[in-house]
Protein backbone atom coordinates (compact mmCIF):
# COMPACT_ATOMS: atom_id res chain seq x y z
CA MET A 1 -103.55 186.62 -36.60
CA ALA A 2 -106.39 184.16 -36.13
CA GLN A 3 -109.48 185.28 -34.27
CA ASN A 4 -112.01 183.03 -32.58
CA LYS A 5 -115.64 183.99 -33.08
CA HIS A 6 -117.92 183.48 -30.11
CA PRO A 7 -121.48 182.93 -31.39
CA LYS A 8 -123.02 185.40 -28.95
CA TYR A 9 -120.34 187.99 -28.20
CA GLY A 10 -118.32 188.31 -31.42
CA PHE A 11 -114.55 188.01 -31.72
CA TYR A 12 -112.20 187.11 -28.89
CA GLU A 13 -108.56 188.14 -29.04
CA PRO A 14 -106.38 186.89 -26.15
CA GLU A 15 -104.15 189.36 -24.32
CA ARG A 16 -100.59 189.33 -25.66
CA CYS A 17 -97.27 190.96 -24.84
CA TRP A 18 -93.93 191.32 -26.60
CA VAL A 19 -91.21 189.02 -25.25
CA GLY A 20 -88.05 189.68 -27.24
CA GLU A 21 -89.20 189.59 -30.86
CA THR A 22 -92.19 187.30 -30.15
CA HIS A 23 -95.79 188.34 -29.48
CA LYS A 24 -96.86 185.76 -26.87
CA ILE A 25 -100.25 184.98 -25.34
CA CYS A 26 -100.58 185.98 -21.67
CA TYR A 27 -102.09 183.63 -19.09
CA SER A 28 -103.35 184.98 -15.74
CA THR A 29 -102.18 182.08 -13.58
CA LYS A 30 -99.56 179.35 -13.70
CA GLU A 31 -102.32 176.73 -13.65
CA GLU A 32 -104.04 178.30 -16.67
CA ALA A 33 -100.74 178.34 -18.59
CA GLU A 34 -99.98 174.70 -17.67
CA LEU A 35 -103.43 173.62 -18.85
CA ALA A 36 -102.95 175.51 -22.15
CA ALA A 37 -99.58 173.76 -22.56
CA ARG A 38 -101.14 170.30 -22.10
CA VAL A 39 -103.93 171.14 -24.57
CA ALA A 40 -101.43 172.39 -27.16
CA GLU A 41 -99.29 169.24 -26.72
CA TYR A 42 -102.34 167.06 -27.27
CA ASP A 43 -103.76 169.08 -30.19
CA HIS A 44 -100.43 169.13 -32.03
CA HIS A 45 -99.35 165.55 -31.14
CA MET A 46 -96.15 166.87 -29.57
CA THR A 47 -93.59 164.46 -28.15
CA THR A 48 -91.77 167.21 -26.21
CA LYS A 49 -93.29 168.94 -23.20
CA LEU A 50 -94.08 172.65 -23.18
CA GLY A 51 -93.07 174.62 -20.13
CA VAL A 52 -94.41 177.79 -18.52
CA TYR A 53 -92.66 180.81 -17.08
CA LYS A 54 -93.59 184.05 -15.34
CA CYS A 55 -93.17 187.08 -17.57
CA GLU A 56 -90.52 189.52 -16.44
CA TYR A 57 -92.48 192.44 -17.93
CA GLY A 58 -95.85 191.87 -16.25
CA ASP A 59 -97.85 189.82 -13.78
CA HIS A 60 -98.74 186.96 -16.14
CA TRP A 61 -97.39 183.67 -17.56
CA HIS A 62 -96.25 182.41 -21.00
CA LEU A 63 -95.55 179.07 -22.68
CA THR A 64 -92.08 178.00 -23.75
CA ALA A 65 -90.78 175.09 -25.80
CA ALA A 66 -87.47 174.92 -23.94
């Protein structure tokens, strides 16, 4: 698993939860998840749109390719 190093505070590991057999990143709000989806689409030159959905196991959001 990749870790991002913040120059002042050390390593940052995003919150994750198990959805089926996948360990997905959790986003606090729908807006935060939608922004992450747009960034991922741009960074990876995706032609398909990523969607977001509210997790059934907690009070957070995830990205989906479907």
